Amino acid sequence: MLSGGTELQPSRYREVRDMTAPIPYAQYPTTPPWVTPATPPAPTAAPGPHTPHGRLLVRFPEEMARAARPQAPSWAPVVFWTLLFGVPGLVSAVRRGGEAHRGGHESYPYWIAFGTVLTAAVVVFLTLMTG
C-alpha cells in the first residue's frame, strides 16, 4: 500500500474490468523468406457473349438509335409560303420545326430557310423600290 491514501480505490458505481483488449493474430506468411510465393490463379473468362443479350453487335450502337426515325419534313414549303405571303412562312417554319423536333431531327433548317428567303425578299423589294 502507498502511504498518504493515494492507493487505487474500486469504483462503487460500476464493476471493475480488465483494461486489456485481445490482440488480433497477425497474418504472417507461411513460407520462408527464401522461397518465392505462389502466384495467384489467373482469372477465368466469363461464360457467354461479351455484350448483354438483345444488344446490337455494331461498333457504335448509339448511332443505330437514329436509324428508325421518321424522315424529316421538307423545308421547301417554308420557302414557298415565305416568298408568297411572308407570315404563312413563319407558321410553316414553326409547325415543321416542331414536327422535326418530335421526330428526333433538328429544327434549325426551317428557321434558316425562313430567314434567308425573307431577307432576300426584303433586299429585292428595297432594290426595286429605290430604283
Protein backbone atom coordinates (compact mmCIF):
# COMPACT_ATOMS: atom_id res chain seq x y z
CA MET A 1 0.00 0.00 0.00
CA LEU A 2 1.01 3.51 -0.67
CA SER A 3 1.20 5.95 2.15
CA GLY A 4 -0.98 9.03 2.31
CA GLY A 5 -4.15 7.46 0.88
CA THR A 6 -3.12 7.51 -2.80
CA GLU A 7 -3.88 3.88 -3.49
CA LEU A 8 -6.41 2.98 -6.18
CA GLN A 9 -9.93 2.56 -4.93
CA PRO A 10 -12.51 0.46 -6.80
CA SER A 11 -15.48 2.39 -8.13
CA ARG A 12 -18.73 1.83 -6.36
CA TYR A 13 -20.82 2.68 -9.49
CA ARG A 14 -19.53 0.09 -11.91
CA GLU A 15 -17.73 -3.15 -11.75
CA VAL A 16 -14.01 -3.19 -12.27
CA ARG A 17 -13.00 -4.56 -15.65
CA ASP A 18 -9.76 -5.70 -17.06
CA MET A 19 -8.30 -2.96 -19.27
CA THR A 20 -6.69 -5.39 -21.67
CA ALA A 21 -8.00 -5.94 -25.19
CA PRO A 22 -7.48 -9.11 -27.15
CA ILE A 23 -4.60 -8.77 -29.57
CA PRO A 24 -5.54 -9.85 -33.11
CA TYR A 25 -3.42 -12.52 -34.64
CA ALA A 26 -1.04 -11.19 -37.28
CA GLN A 27 -1.23 -12.65 -40.77
CA TYR A 28 2.29 -13.82 -41.30
CA PRO A 29 3.31 -15.61 -44.49
CA THR A 30 3.60 -19.33 -44.09
CA THR A 31 6.52 -19.73 -46.48
CA PRO A 32 10.10 -18.95 -45.51
CA PRO A 33 11.59 -15.73 -46.96
CA TRP A 34 13.94 -17.57 -49.35
CA VAL A 35 11.06 -19.29 -51.16
CA THR A 36 9.17 -17.40 -53.89
CA PRO A 37 5.48 -17.07 -53.02
CA ALA A 38 2.92 -18.91 -55.09
CA THR A 39 1.37 -16.86 -57.90
CA PRO A 40 -2.37 -16.20 -57.63
CA PRO A 41 -4.51 -18.16 -60.10
CA ALA A 42 -5.29 -16.49 -63.43
CA PRO A 43 -8.82 -15.09 -63.77
CA THR A 44 -11.16 -17.20 -65.80
CA ALA A 45 -13.22 -15.86 -68.70
CA ALA A 46 -16.88 -15.24 -68.06
CA PRO A 47 -19.18 -17.61 -69.94
CA GLY A 48 -21.39 -16.18 -72.67
CA PRO A 49 -21.09 -13.33 -75.16
CA HIS A 50 -19.28 -10.04 -74.49
CA THR A 51 -22.44 -7.99 -74.88
CA PRO A 52 -25.67 -8.48 -72.95
CA HIS A 53 -28.47 -10.33 -74.66
CA GLY A 54 -30.52 -8.24 -77.04
CA ARG A 55 -27.91 -5.57 -77.83
CA LEU A 56 -26.69 -4.80 -81.32
CA LEU A 57 -23.29 -6.09 -82.30
CA VAL A 58 -22.21 -2.92 -84.11
CA ARG A 59 -19.31 -0.61 -83.49
CA PHE A 60 -21.38 2.44 -82.48
CA PRO A 61 -24.76 1.26 -81.12
CA GLU A 62 -25.85 4.82 -80.24
CA GLU A 63 -25.89 5.68 -83.95
CA MET A 64 -28.36 2.88 -84.62
CA ALA A 65 -30.98 4.66 -82.49
CA ARG A 66 -31.39 7.19 -85.30
CA ALA A 67 -31.99 4.54 -87.95
CA ALA A 68 -35.67 4.05 -87.09
CA ARG A 69 -36.57 7.76 -87.01
CA PRO A 70 -39.10 9.13 -89.48
CA GLN A 71 -37.98 11.27 -92.39
CA ALA A 72 -37.64 14.98 -91.58
CA PRO A 73 -40.26 17.24 -93.23
CA SER A 74 -39.18 19.22 -96.27
CA TRP A 75 -38.21 22.88 -95.93
CA ALA A 76 -39.41 23.74 -99.49
CA PRO A 77 -42.95 24.73 -98.33
CA VAL A 78 -41.36 27.17 -95.87
CA VAL A 79 -39.59 28.83 -98.81
CA PHE A 80 -42.77 28.87 -100.90
CA TRP A 81 -45.03 30.36 -98.20
CA THR A 82 -42.42 32.91 -97.18
CA LEU A 83 -41.99 34.10 -100.78
CA LEU A 84 -45.72 34.18 -101.39
CA PHE A 85 -47.05 35.93 -98.30
CA GLY A 86 -44.39 36.11 -95.51
CA VAL A 87 -46.45 35.34 -92.38
CA PRO A 88 -47.60 31.86 -93.53
CA GLY A 89 -43.89 31.08 -93.96
CA LEU A 90 -43.43 31.79 -90.27
CA VAL A 91 -46.34 29.48 -89.38
CA SER A 92 -44.94 26.79 -91.67
CA ALA A 93 -41.46 27.10 -90.10
CA VAL A 94 -42.91 26.76 -86.59
CA ARG A 95 -45.03 23.73 -87.45
CA ARG A 96 -42.36 21.91 -89.47
CA GLY A 97 -39.66 22.66 -86.89
CA GLY A 98 -41.86 21.17 -84.17
CA GLU A 99 -42.61 18.10 -86.25
CA ALA A 100 -38.90 17.63 -86.97
CA HIS A 101 -38.07 18.01 -83.29
CA ARG A 102 -40.67 15.39 -82.31
CA GLY A 103 -39.12 13.04 -84.88
CA GLY A 104 -35.65 13.50 -83.39
CA HIS A 105 -34.29 15.92 -86.01
CA GLU A 106 -33.02 19.49 -85.72
CA SER A 107 -35.41 22.39 -86.25
CA TYR A 108 -32.86 24.99 -87.38
CA PRO A 109 -33.02 24.28 -91.17
CA TYR A 110 -36.58 25.63 -91.27
CA TRP A 111 -35.59 28.83 -89.50
CA ILE A 112 -32.58 29.26 -91.78
CA ALA A 113 -34.82 28.83 -94.82
CA PHE A 114 -37.37 31.31 -93.45
CA GLY A 115 -34.76 33.93 -92.50
CA THR A 116 -32.79 33.61 -95.73
CA VAL A 117 -35.82 33.86 -98.01
CA LEU A 118 -37.34 36.74 -96.01
CA THR A 119 -34.03 38.65 -96.09
CA ALA A 120 -33.62 38.05 -99.83
CA ALA A 121 -37.21 39.14 -100.46
CA VAL A 122 -36.73 42.35 -98.48
CA VAL A 123 -33.46 43.12 -100.28
CA VAL A 124 -35.07 42.56 -103.69
CA PHE A 125 -38.09 44.67 -102.71
CA LEU A 126 -35.92 47.55 -101.48
CA THR A 127 -33.70 47.35 -104.56
CA LEU A 128 -36.69 47.54 -106.88
CA MET A 129 -38.31 50.38 -104.93
CA THR A 130 -35.21 52.56 -104.73
CA GLY A 131 -34.52 52.27 -108.31
